[in-house]
N, C-alpha and C. Protein backbone atom coordinates (compact mmCIF):
# COMPACT_ATOMS: atom_id res chain seq x y z
N MET A 1 106.52 147.18 144.11
CA MET A 1 107.55 146.72 145.66
C MET A 1 107.12 147.36 146.29
N ASP A 2 106.45 148.40 146.80
CA ASP A 2 105.14 148.64 147.62
C ASP A 2 104.34 147.05 147.79
N GLU A 3 103.93 146.94 147.27
CA GLU A 3 103.09 145.03 147.14
C GLU A 3 104.28 144.01 147.98
N VAL A 4 104.98 143.95 148.11
CA VAL A 4 106.09 143.29 148.36
C VAL A 4 106.49 143.25 149.41
N LYS A 5 107.08 144.86 149.74
CA LYS A 5 107.08 145.26 150.85
C LYS A 5 105.96 144.93 152.21
N ARG A 6 104.63 145.62 151.72
CA ARG A 6 103.25 144.86 152.58
C ARG A 6 103.38 143.38 152.81
N VAL A 7 103.46 142.77 152.14
CA VAL A 7 103.56 141.24 152.05
C VAL A 7 104.37 141.23 153.47
N ILE A 8 106.07 141.40 153.06
CA ILE A 8 106.65 140.83 154.42
C ILE A 8 106.63 141.25 155.39
N GLY A 9 105.84 142.78 155.34
CA GLY A 9 105.21 143.04 156.36
C GLY A 9 104.97 142.10 157.24
N VAL A 10 103.40 141.68 156.37
CA VAL A 10 102.71 140.91 157.02
C VAL A 10 103.16 139.38 157.90
N ILE A 11 104.33 139.05 156.76
CA ILE A 11 104.96 137.90 157.19
C ILE A 11 106.03 137.93 158.40
N ALA A 12 106.38 138.96 158.87
CA ALA A 12 107.04 139.68 159.94
C ALA A 12 106.36 139.82 160.93
N GLU A 13 105.19 139.86 160.63
CA GLU A 13 104.17 140.02 162.11
C GLU A 13 103.53 138.75 162.56
N ASN A 14 102.98 137.88 161.67
CA ASN A 14 102.98 136.96 161.84
C ASN A 14 103.42 135.79 160.79
N PRO A 15 104.93 134.89 161.08
CA PRO A 15 105.18 134.21 159.88
C PRO A 15 104.16 133.08 159.85
N LEU A 16 103.54 132.49 160.58
CA LEU A 16 102.39 131.48 160.95
C LEU A 16 101.16 131.57 159.76
N ARG A 17 101.17 132.59 159.20
CA ARG A 17 99.48 132.58 159.04
C ARG A 17 99.79 131.96 157.33
N TYR A 18 100.73 132.12 156.86
CA TYR A 18 100.14 131.34 155.73
C TYR A 18 100.46 130.03 155.41
N SER A 19 99.11 129.05 154.65
CA SER A 19 99.69 127.65 155.14
C SER A 19 101.08 127.17 154.20
N ILE A 20 101.43 126.00 154.73
CA ILE A 20 102.81 125.48 153.95
C ILE A 20 101.56 124.50 152.72
N ARG A 21 102.69 125.09 151.19
CA ARG A 21 102.30 124.71 150.15
C ARG A 21 103.05 123.59 149.90
N VAL A 22 104.70 123.57 149.60
CA VAL A 22 104.72 122.10 149.22
C VAL A 22 106.01 122.09 150.64
N GLY A 23 106.45 121.03 150.99
CA GLY A 23 107.85 120.77 151.91
C GLY A 23 108.09 121.53 153.21
N ASN A 24 107.98 123.16 153.14
CA ASN A 24 108.57 123.66 154.36
C ASN A 24 108.19 125.13 153.80
N TRP A 25 108.19 124.84 152.49
CA TRP A 25 107.85 126.49 151.99
C TRP A 25 106.05 127.06 152.28
N ARG A 26 106.60 128.24 152.15
CA ARG A 26 104.98 128.92 152.52
C ARG A 26 105.21 129.93 151.44
N ARG A 27 103.82 130.22 151.04
CA ARG A 27 103.21 131.09 149.90
C ARG A 27 102.66 131.94 150.50
N ALA A 28 102.97 133.26 150.59
CA ALA A 28 101.92 134.97 150.82
C ALA A 28 102.06 135.21 149.20
N ASN A 29 100.35 135.14 148.81
CA ASN A 29 100.36 136.04 147.26
C ASN A 29 100.06 137.36 147.59
N LEU A 30 100.55 137.93 146.36
CA LEU A 30 100.43 139.57 146.22
C LEU A 30 98.78 139.27 145.73
N ARG A 31 98.53 141.02 146.27
CA ARG A 31 97.43 141.32 145.80
C ARG A 31 97.73 141.72 144.05
N ARG A 32 96.64 142.31 143.62
CA ARG A 32 96.67 142.66 141.97
C ARG A 32 97.91 142.18 140.95
N PHE A 33 98.63 141.09 141.73
CA PHE A 33 100.00 140.70 140.77
C PHE A 33 99.97 139.16 141.16
N PRO A 34 100.64 138.77 139.52
CA PRO A 34 100.50 136.76 140.43
C PRO A 34 101.60 136.74 140.74
N HIS A 35 101.71 136.70 142.01
CA HIS A 35 103.25 136.43 142.16
C HIS A 35 102.91 135.84 143.63
N GLY A 36 103.83 134.95 144.08
CA GLY A 36 103.77 134.91 145.15
C GLY A 36 105.29 135.31 145.84
N VAL A 37 105.24 135.15 147.49
CA VAL A 37 106.46 135.41 147.94
C VAL A 37 106.39 133.97 148.68
N PHE A 38 107.33 133.23 148.76
CA PHE A 38 107.91 132.17 149.13
C PHE A 38 109.34 132.35 150.33
N TYR A 39 108.56 131.21 151.56
CA TYR A 39 109.62 131.73 152.66
C TYR A 39 109.39 130.84 153.90
N GLN A 40 110.30 130.53 154.22
CA GLN A 40 110.23 129.13 155.33
C GLN A 40 110.28 130.04 156.57
N VAL A 41 109.95 129.37 157.79
CA VAL A 41 109.93 130.07 159.13
C VAL A 41 111.20 129.07 159.85
N ILE A 42 112.02 129.75 159.98
CA ILE A 42 113.23 128.83 160.34
C ILE A 42 113.43 129.25 161.75
N GLY A 43 113.21 128.92 162.89
CA GLY A 43 113.53 129.06 164.44
C GLY A 43 112.42 129.66 164.66
N ASP A 44 112.00 130.87 165.14
CA ASP A 44 110.56 131.47 165.06
C ASP A 44 110.63 132.73 164.03
N GLN A 45 111.66 133.04 163.52
CA GLN A 45 112.31 133.89 162.50
C GLN A 45 111.39 133.71 161.05
N PRO A 46 110.51 134.41 159.93
CA PRO A 46 110.65 134.26 158.96
C PRO A 46 111.65 134.00 157.91
N VAL A 47 112.25 133.63 156.64
CA VAL A 47 113.27 133.88 155.49
C VAL A 47 112.61 133.86 154.67
N VAL A 48 112.31 134.76 154.26
CA VAL A 48 112.10 135.08 152.73
C VAL A 48 112.90 134.06 151.37
N PHE A 49 112.89 133.24 150.37
CA PHE A 49 113.72 133.01 150.01
C PHE A 49 113.73 133.56 148.51
N ALA A 50 112.39 133.85 147.83
CA ALA A 50 111.92 134.13 146.67
C ALA A 50 110.55 134.89 146.40
N VAL A 51 110.29 135.83 145.00
CA VAL A 51 109.04 136.11 144.71
C VAL A 51 109.28 135.60 143.57
N LEU A 52 108.32 134.98 142.99
CA LEU A 52 107.92 133.93 142.12
C LEU A 52 106.85 133.97 141.58
N HIS A 53 107.03 134.36 140.07
CA HIS A 53 105.28 134.18 139.03
C HIS A 53 104.65 133.33 139.20
N ALA A 54 103.06 133.34 139.55
CA ALA A 54 102.39 132.55 139.89
C ALA A 54 102.39 131.19 138.77
N LYS A 55 102.62 131.88 137.47
CA LYS A 55 102.70 130.69 136.81
C LYS A 55 104.11 129.27 136.46
N ARG A 56 104.98 130.24 136.74
CA ARG A 56 106.46 129.15 137.01
C ARG A 56 106.19 127.52 137.69
N ASP A 57 107.25 126.59 137.15
CA ASP A 57 107.71 125.47 138.31
C ASP A 57 108.33 126.12 139.60
N HIS A 58 107.63 126.27 140.40
CA HIS A 58 108.33 126.65 141.58
C HIS A 58 109.20 125.87 142.09
N GLY A 59 108.84 124.25 142.23
CA GLY A 59 109.67 123.19 142.99
C GLY A 59 111.32 122.90 142.22
N PRO A 60 111.81 123.72 141.35
CA PRO A 60 112.87 123.26 140.65
C PRO A 60 113.86 124.61 141.48
N ILE A 61 112.79 126.06 141.38
CA ILE A 61 113.62 126.66 141.84
C ILE A 61 114.07 126.92 143.48
N LEU A 62 112.84 126.35 144.38
CA LEU A 62 113.55 126.37 145.75
C LEU A 62 113.89 125.31 145.90
N GLU A 63 114.16 124.07 145.67
CA GLU A 63 115.16 123.51 145.52
C GLU A 63 116.55 123.68 145.58
N SER A 64 116.37 124.87 144.91
CA SER A 64 118.03 125.34 144.42
C SER A 64 118.28 126.73 145.76
N ARG A 65 117.25 126.81 146.57
CA ARG A 65 117.02 127.76 147.88
C ARG A 65 117.47 127.05 148.65
N ARG A 66 117.61 126.09 148.96
CA ARG A 66 117.64 125.54 150.39
C ARG A 66 118.22 126.14 150.91
N PRO A 67 118.07 125.91 152.69
CA PRO A 67 118.73 126.76 153.67
C PRO A 67 119.76 126.03 153.87
N THR A 68 120.93 126.43 154.08
CA THR A 68 122.30 125.83 154.56
C THR A 68 122.05 125.35 156.20
N ASP A 69 122.54 124.61 156.54
CA ASP A 69 123.01 124.24 158.12
C ASP A 69 123.98 124.77 158.66
């Protein structure tokens, strides 16, 4: 949990730091754990949608978590 909190803090300080991977999704990898924090920048705010294992098929999972207007 400490590592997830650390990465979310980095995202909060600089939302554009991590590159866009698929569609509008950005991924920040965790250190020492095979997981990534998936988020989008909406307006000027980062919104975290998921923390997923690196070996998972992210497409269907992220597709089901699209932001609503």
